[in-house]
Amino acid sequence: MKTHLEQTEFWVGTFHGSHHGRPATVTATRDATRPEPYAWTCTCGASQSFPTEDGVWPTAWRHTHPTRFDRLRSWVIRRLRTAR
């Protein structure tokens, strides 16, 4: 019986949702061969990596399920970029 994760184990989790009005899929991974083993990448091209597991799941979920504040902030940023 295994009582702990092997150092080289790899795991994956996916989140399905949307942002910017488009469908998005975020894949969260743990890869012990990387300097920051916990990371997620989105089909939109965004990604983040973390030294511990603590930030992976909440940020991946929020990326595909943005709050009203997140949507408002994104809208303002897009408007500012097009105004330049």
C-alpha atoms as a PDB file:
ATOM      1  CA  MET A   1       0.000   0.000   0.000  1.00  0.00           C
ATOM      2  CA  LYS A   2       1.335   3.402  -1.006  1.00  0.00           C
ATOM      3  CA  THR A   3       1.260   6.030   1.757  1.00  0.00           C
ATOM      4  CA  HIS A   4       2.742   9.031  -0.074  1.00  0.00           C
ATOM      5  CA  LEU A   5       3.169  10.403  -3.586  1.00  0.00           C
ATOM      6  CA  GLU A   6       6.231   9.329  -5.443  1.00  0.00           C
ATOM      7  CA  GLN A   7       8.519  12.249  -6.292  1.00  0.00           C
ATOM      8  CA  THR A   8       8.006  11.840 -10.039  1.00  0.00           C
ATOM      9  CA  GLU A   9       4.236  11.307 -10.041  1.00  0.00           C
ATOM     10  CA  PHE A  10       2.104  13.340 -12.408  1.00  0.00           C
ATOM     11  CA  TRP A  11      -1.546  14.287 -11.946  1.00  0.00           C
ATOM     12  CA  VAL A  12      -4.037  16.247 -14.021  1.00  0.00           C
ATOM     13  CA  GLY A  13      -7.361  17.958 -13.356  1.00  0.00           C
ATOM     14  CA  THR A  14      -9.567  19.900 -15.775  1.00  0.00           C
ATOM     15  CA  PHE A  15     -12.003  22.779 -15.357  1.00  0.00           C
ATOM     16  CA  HIS A  16     -14.583  23.621 -18.025  1.00  0.00           C
ATOM     17  CA  GLY A  17     -16.200  27.027 -18.162  1.00  0.00           C
ATOM     18  CA  SER A  18     -15.930  30.266 -20.077  1.00  0.00           C
ATOM     19  CA  HIS A  19     -14.422  33.704 -20.059  1.00  0.00           C
ATOM     20  CA  HIS A  20     -14.591  36.656 -22.437  1.00  0.00           C
ATOM     21  CA  GLY A  21     -17.776  35.044 -23.767  1.00  0.00           C
ATOM     22  CA  ARG A  22     -15.976  31.971 -25.095  1.00  0.00           C
ATOM     23  CA  PRO A  23     -15.723  28.385 -23.844  1.00  0.00           C
ATOM     24  CA  ALA A  24     -12.503  27.629 -21.978  1.00  0.00           C
ATOM     25  CA  THR A  25     -10.836  24.548 -20.559  1.00  0.00           C
ATOM     26  CA  VAL A  26      -8.147  24.789 -17.915  1.00  0.00           C
ATOM     27  CA  THR A  27      -5.849  21.842 -17.246  1.00  0.00           C
ATOM     28  CA  ALA A  28      -4.181  21.782 -13.825  1.00  0.00           C
ATOM     29  CA  THR A  29      -1.105  19.580 -13.434  1.00  0.00           C
ATOM     30  CA  ARG A  30       1.510  18.448 -10.967  1.00  0.00           C
ATOM     31  CA  ASP A  31       4.847  17.528 -12.492  1.00  0.00           C
ATOM     32  CA  ALA A  32       7.694  16.957 -10.037  1.00  0.00           C
ATOM     33  CA  THR A  33      10.318  17.505 -12.737  1.00  0.00           C
ATOM     34  CA  ARG A  34       9.552  21.258 -12.906  1.00  0.00           C
ATOM     35  CA  PRO A  35      10.953  23.945 -10.547  1.00  0.00           C
ATOM     36  CA  GLU A  36       7.361  24.955  -9.694  1.00  0.00           C
ATOM     37  CA  PRO A  37       5.572  21.608  -9.965  1.00  0.00           C
ATOM     38  CA  TYR A  38       1.965  22.877  -9.772  1.00  0.00           C
ATOM     39  CA  ALA A  39       0.581  24.690 -12.807  1.00  0.00           C
ATOM     40  CA  TRP A  40      -2.456  25.281 -14.972  1.00  0.00           C
ATOM     41  CA  THR A  41      -2.843  26.219 -18.610  1.00  0.00           C
ATOM     42  CA  CYS A  42      -5.942  27.407 -20.457  1.00  0.00           C
ATOM     43  CA  THR A  43      -7.070  26.942 -24.027  1.00  0.00           C
ATOM     44  CA  CYS A  44      -6.987  30.766 -24.319  1.00  0.00           C
ATOM     45  CA  GLY A  45      -3.214  30.701 -23.822  1.00  0.00           C
ATOM     46  CA  ALA A  46      -3.087  31.893 -20.201  1.00  0.00           C
ATOM     47  CA  SER A  47      -1.092  29.918 -17.649  1.00  0.00           C
ATOM     48  CA  GLN A  48       0.238  30.117 -14.097  1.00  0.00           C
ATOM     49  CA  SER A  49       2.619  27.994 -12.049  1.00  0.00           C
ATOM     50  CA  PHE A  50       2.934  27.602  -8.285  1.00  0.00           C
ATOM     51  CA  PRO A  51       5.479  26.158  -5.840  1.00  0.00           C
ATOM     52  CA  THR A  52       2.679  24.539  -3.755  1.00  0.00           C
ATOM     53  CA  GLU A  53      -0.779  23.105  -4.405  1.00  0.00           C
ATOM     54  CA  ASP A  54      -2.541  25.910  -2.502  1.00  0.00           C
ATOM     55  CA  GLY A  55      -3.138  28.314  -5.401  1.00  0.00           C
ATOM     56  CA  VAL A  56      -3.705  25.929  -8.299  1.00  0.00           C
ATOM     57  CA  TRP A  57      -7.323  24.863  -7.818  1.00  0.00           C
ATOM     58  CA  PRO A  58      -8.841  28.238  -6.771  1.00  0.00           C
ATOM     59  CA  THR A  59      -7.170  30.221  -9.559  1.00  0.00           C
ATOM     60  CA  ALA A  60      -7.953  27.618 -12.222  1.00  0.00           C
ATOM     61  CA  TRP A  61     -11.607  27.578 -11.134  1.00  0.00           C
ATOM     62  CA  ARG A  62     -11.823  31.375 -11.070  1.00  0.00           C
ATOM     63  CA  HIS A  63     -10.236  31.615 -14.521  1.00  0.00           C
ATOM     64  CA  THR A  64     -13.046  29.537 -16.032  1.00  0.00           C
ATOM     65  CA  HIS A  65     -15.779  30.851 -13.698  1.00  0.00           C
ATOM     66  CA  PRO A  66     -15.061  34.583 -13.334  1.00  0.00           C
ATOM     67  CA  THR A  67     -16.966  36.627 -10.767  1.00  0.00           C
ATOM     68  CA  ARG A  68     -18.899  39.743 -11.740  1.00  0.00           C
ATOM     69  CA  PHE A  69     -15.961  41.820 -10.559  1.00  0.00           C
ATOM     70  CA  ASP A  70     -13.582  39.784 -12.761  1.00  0.00           C
ATOM     71  CA  ARG A  71     -15.837  40.321 -15.779  1.00  0.00           C
ATOM     72  CA  LEU A  72     -16.089  44.053 -15.091  1.00  0.00           C
ATOM     73  CA  ARG A  73     -12.318  44.362 -14.676  1.00  0.00           C
ATOM     74  CA  SER A  74     -11.748  42.456 -17.914  1.00  0.00           C
ATOM     75  CA  TRP A  75     -14.214  44.701 -19.744  1.00  0.00           C
ATOM     76  CA  VAL A  76     -12.471  47.860 -18.449  1.00  0.00           C
ATOM     77  CA  ILE A  77      -9.051  46.548 -19.477  1.00  0.00           C
ATOM     78  CA  ARG A  78     -10.315  45.732 -22.982  1.00  0.00           C
ATOM     79  CA  ARG A  79     -11.879  49.199 -23.301  1.00  0.00           C
ATOM     80  CA  LEU A  80      -8.637  50.887 -22.172  1.00  0.00           C
ATOM     81  CA  ARG A  81      -6.596  48.887 -24.674  1.00  0.00           C
ATOM     82  CA  THR A  82      -8.853  49.829 -27.579  1.00  0.00           C
ATOM     83  CA  ALA A  83      -8.905  53.512 -26.531  1.00  0.00           C
ATOM     84  CA  ARG A  84      -5.144  53.857 -27.044  1.00  0.00           C
END
